[in-house]
Amino acid sequence: METVDRIKEVLDTIRPFLESDGGDVEFVRFEDGSVYLKLLGACSNCNLSDMTLEGVIQEALTFEIPEVIKVVNIGE
């Protein structure tokens, strides 16, 4: 399975958690060890979005996929 497919698979496991708070995440690209995402819905302007990005999404992706070094929110 390619890295991008694995990233999307992990994001799909996180998505219900985000959706329960009215948010979502969109995969944009994977480049040089960085996953570029857009936080959507309630997550896009939540004051805890940095915690969600680093504490939940980045932790899950770096744990599951060694090729992932960091996660970047590209905003809107």
N, C-alpha and C. Protein backbone atom coordinates (compact mmCIF):
# COMPACT_ATOMS: atom_id res chain seq x y z
N MET A 1 0.85 -1.18 0.00
CA MET A 1 0.00 0.00 0.00
C MET A 1 0.89 1.24 0.00
N GLU A 2 0.56 2.20 -0.83
CA GLU A 2 1.34 3.43 -0.92
C GLU A 2 1.13 4.31 0.30
N THR A 3 2.10 5.17 0.56
CA THR A 3 2.05 6.05 1.73
C THR A 3 0.78 6.90 1.74
N VAL A 4 0.42 7.48 0.60
CA VAL A 4 -0.78 8.34 0.55
C VAL A 4 -2.03 7.53 0.92
N ASP A 5 -2.13 6.32 0.44
CA ASP A 5 -3.28 5.48 0.78
C ASP A 5 -3.31 5.18 2.27
N ARG A 6 -2.15 4.93 2.85
CA ARG A 6 -2.07 4.67 4.29
C ARG A 6 -2.44 5.91 5.10
N ILE A 7 -2.02 7.07 4.63
CA ILE A 7 -2.38 8.32 5.30
C ILE A 7 -3.89 8.50 5.30
N LYS A 8 -4.50 8.30 4.15
CA LYS A 8 -5.96 8.45 4.04
C LYS A 8 -6.68 7.45 4.93
N GLU A 9 -6.13 6.25 5.03
CA GLU A 9 -6.73 5.22 5.88
C GLU A 9 -6.71 5.65 7.35
N VAL A 10 -5.58 6.18 7.80
CA VAL A 10 -5.47 6.66 9.18
C VAL A 10 -6.42 7.84 9.41
N LEU A 11 -6.48 8.76 8.46
CA LEU A 11 -7.39 9.89 8.59
C LEU A 11 -8.85 9.43 8.70
N ASP A 12 -9.19 8.36 7.99
CA ASP A 12 -10.55 7.83 8.06
C ASP A 12 -10.87 7.29 9.45
N THR A 13 -9.85 6.83 10.18
CA THR A 13 -10.10 6.35 11.56
C THR A 13 -10.27 7.51 12.53
N ILE A 14 -9.68 8.67 12.21
CA ILE A 14 -9.78 9.86 13.05
C ILE A 14 -11.05 10.66 12.75
N ARG A 15 -11.50 10.57 11.54
CA ARG A 15 -12.63 11.39 11.06
C ARG A 15 -13.86 11.35 11.99
N PRO A 16 -14.31 10.19 12.48
CA PRO A 16 -15.50 10.19 13.36
C PRO A 16 -15.32 11.05 14.62
N PHE A 17 -14.11 11.08 15.16
CA PHE A 17 -13.81 11.92 16.31
C PHE A 17 -14.01 13.40 15.96
N LEU A 18 -13.51 13.81 14.80
CA LEU A 18 -13.65 15.20 14.35
C LEU A 18 -15.10 15.53 14.04
N GLU A 19 -15.78 14.60 13.37
CA GLU A 19 -17.17 14.82 12.99
C GLU A 19 -18.08 14.95 14.21
N SER A 20 -17.74 14.28 15.29
CA SER A 20 -18.56 14.35 16.50
C SER A 20 -18.56 15.76 17.09
N ASP A 21 -17.55 16.56 16.75
CA ASP A 21 -17.49 17.95 17.18
C ASP A 21 -17.82 18.92 16.05
N GLY A 22 -18.35 18.42 14.94
CA GLY A 22 -18.76 19.27 13.83
C GLY A 22 -17.63 19.63 12.87
N GLY A 23 -16.54 18.89 12.92
CA GLY A 23 -15.40 19.18 12.05
C GLY A 23 -15.09 18.05 11.10
N ASP A 24 -14.01 18.22 10.37
CA ASP A 24 -13.54 17.20 9.44
C ASP A 24 -12.12 17.56 9.02
N VAL A 25 -11.51 16.70 8.25
CA VAL A 25 -10.15 16.94 7.76
C VAL A 25 -10.10 16.51 6.30
N GLU A 26 -9.36 17.28 5.51
CA GLU A 26 -9.19 16.96 4.09
C GLU A 26 -7.70 16.79 3.80
N PHE A 27 -7.34 15.66 3.21
CA PHE A 27 -5.97 15.42 2.79
C PHE A 27 -5.69 16.26 1.55
N VAL A 28 -4.55 16.97 1.54
CA VAL A 28 -4.18 17.79 0.39
C VAL A 28 -3.01 17.15 -0.36
N ARG A 29 -1.91 16.88 0.37
CA ARG A 29 -0.77 16.24 -0.28
C ARG A 29 0.22 15.73 0.76
N PHE A 30 1.12 14.85 0.29
CA PHE A 30 2.22 14.34 1.10
C PHE A 30 3.49 14.66 0.35
N GLU A 31 4.40 15.38 1.02
CA GLU A 31 5.61 15.83 0.35
C GLU A 31 6.76 15.93 1.35
N ASP A 32 7.87 15.29 1.07
CA ASP A 32 9.08 15.36 1.90
C ASP A 32 8.82 15.07 3.37
N GLY A 33 8.01 14.07 3.64
CA GLY A 33 7.73 13.68 5.01
C GLY A 33 6.64 14.47 5.70
N SER A 34 6.10 15.48 5.02
CA SER A 34 5.05 16.30 5.60
C SER A 34 3.70 16.00 4.96
N VAL A 35 2.69 15.90 5.81
CA VAL A 35 1.32 15.71 5.35
C VAL A 35 0.63 17.07 5.44
N TYR A 36 0.11 17.54 4.32
CA TYR A 36 -0.58 18.82 4.27
C TYR A 36 -2.09 18.56 4.28
N LEU A 37 -2.77 19.19 5.25
CA LEU A 37 -4.18 18.97 5.47
C LEU A 37 -4.92 20.28 5.57
N LYS A 38 -6.23 20.21 5.40
CA LYS A 38 -7.13 21.32 5.69
C LYS A 38 -8.08 20.83 6.78
N LEU A 39 -8.16 21.58 7.86
CA LEU A 39 -9.18 21.30 8.85
C LEU A 39 -10.45 22.00 8.39
N LEU A 40 -11.56 21.29 8.46
CA LEU A 40 -12.83 21.79 7.91
C LEU A 40 -13.89 21.91 9.00
N GLY A 41 -14.96 22.62 8.67
CA GLY A 41 -16.09 22.76 9.59
C GLY A 41 -15.68 23.43 10.87
N ALA A 42 -16.18 22.93 11.99
CA ALA A 42 -15.89 23.52 13.29
C ALA A 42 -14.40 23.51 13.60
N CYS A 43 -13.67 22.55 13.03
CA CYS A 43 -12.22 22.46 13.30
C CYS A 43 -11.43 23.59 12.65
N SER A 44 -11.97 24.20 11.61
CA SER A 44 -11.21 25.20 10.88
C SER A 44 -10.98 26.48 11.67
N ASN A 45 -11.89 26.80 12.58
CA ASN A 45 -11.71 28.03 13.36
C ASN A 45 -11.75 27.80 14.86
N CYS A 46 -11.57 26.57 15.28
CA CYS A 46 -11.59 26.22 16.69
C CYS A 46 -10.26 26.63 17.34
N ASN A 47 -10.34 27.15 18.56
CA ASN A 47 -9.11 27.55 19.23
C ASN A 47 -8.28 26.35 19.71
N LEU A 48 -8.83 25.16 19.60
CA LEU A 48 -8.09 23.94 19.95
C LEU A 48 -7.59 23.20 18.71
N SER A 49 -7.69 23.83 17.55
CA SER A 49 -7.31 23.14 16.31
C SER A 49 -5.83 22.74 16.29
N ASP A 50 -4.96 23.55 16.88
CA ASP A 50 -3.54 23.19 16.93
C ASP A 50 -3.34 21.93 17.77
N MET A 51 -4.07 21.84 18.88
CA MET A 51 -3.98 20.64 19.72
C MET A 51 -4.50 19.42 18.97
N THR A 52 -5.60 19.59 18.25
CA THR A 52 -6.16 18.49 17.47
C THR A 52 -5.16 18.05 16.41
N LEU A 53 -4.57 19.02 15.73
CA LEU A 53 -3.63 18.72 14.66
C LEU A 53 -2.41 17.97 15.19
N GLU A 54 -1.79 18.49 16.24
CA GLU A 54 -0.56 17.90 16.76
C GLU A 54 -0.83 16.71 17.68
N GLY A 55 -1.79 16.85 18.58
CA GLY A 55 -2.01 15.82 19.58
C GLY A 55 -2.78 14.62 19.11
N VAL A 56 -3.58 14.79 18.08
CA VAL A 56 -4.39 13.67 17.60
C VAL A 56 -3.93 13.23 16.21
N ILE A 57 -4.01 14.13 15.24
CA ILE A 57 -3.75 13.75 13.85
C ILE A 57 -2.27 13.43 13.62
N GLN A 58 -1.39 14.35 14.02
CA GLN A 58 0.04 14.10 13.80
C GLN A 58 0.52 12.89 14.58
N GLU A 59 0.07 12.75 15.81
CA GLU A 59 0.50 11.61 16.61
C GLU A 59 0.08 10.29 15.96
N ALA A 60 -1.16 10.22 15.49
CA ALA A 60 -1.65 9.00 14.85
C ALA A 60 -0.88 8.70 13.57
N LEU A 61 -0.66 9.72 12.75
CA LEU A 61 0.02 9.50 11.47
C LEU A 61 1.49 9.12 11.66
N THR A 62 2.20 9.80 12.56
CA THR A 62 3.62 9.48 12.76
C THR A 62 3.78 8.12 13.44
N PHE A 63 2.83 7.72 14.26
CA PHE A 63 2.88 6.42 14.90
C PHE A 63 2.66 5.29 13.90
N GLU A 64 1.68 5.48 13.03
CA GLU A 64 1.29 4.43 12.08
C GLU A 64 2.16 4.38 10.83
N ILE A 65 2.72 5.53 10.44
CA ILE A 65 3.42 5.62 9.16
C ILE A 65 4.79 6.27 9.38
N PRO A 66 5.86 5.49 9.39
CA PRO A 66 7.19 6.03 9.67
C PRO A 66 7.65 7.11 8.70
N GLU A 67 7.13 7.12 7.48
CA GLU A 67 7.51 8.12 6.48
C GLU A 67 7.02 9.52 6.82
N VAL A 68 5.99 9.59 7.69
CA VAL A 68 5.42 10.89 8.06
C VAL A 68 6.23 11.48 9.20
N ILE A 69 6.71 12.70 8.98
CA ILE A 69 7.51 13.41 9.98
C ILE A 69 6.66 14.46 10.70
N LYS A 70 5.83 15.18 9.95
CA LYS A 70 4.99 16.20 10.57
C LYS A 70 3.73 16.42 9.74
N VAL A 71 2.78 17.13 10.36
CA VAL A 71 1.52 17.46 9.73
C VAL A 71 1.38 18.98 9.71
N VAL A 72 0.95 19.51 8.57
CA VAL A 72 0.81 20.95 8.39
C VAL A 72 -0.62 21.27 7.99
N ASN A 73 -1.24 22.21 8.70
CA ASN A 73 -2.57 22.69 8.35
C ASN A 73 -2.40 23.85 7.38
N ILE A 74 -2.88 23.69 6.15
CA ILE A 74 -2.71 24.76 5.17
C ILE A 74 -3.86 25.76 5.19
N GLY A 75 -4.82 25.56 6.08
CA GLY A 75 -5.93 26.50 6.19
C GLY A 75 -6.83 26.45 4.98
N GLU A 76 -7.44 27.58 4.72
CA GLU A 76 -8.41 27.61 3.62
C GLU A 76 -7.79 28.02 2.31
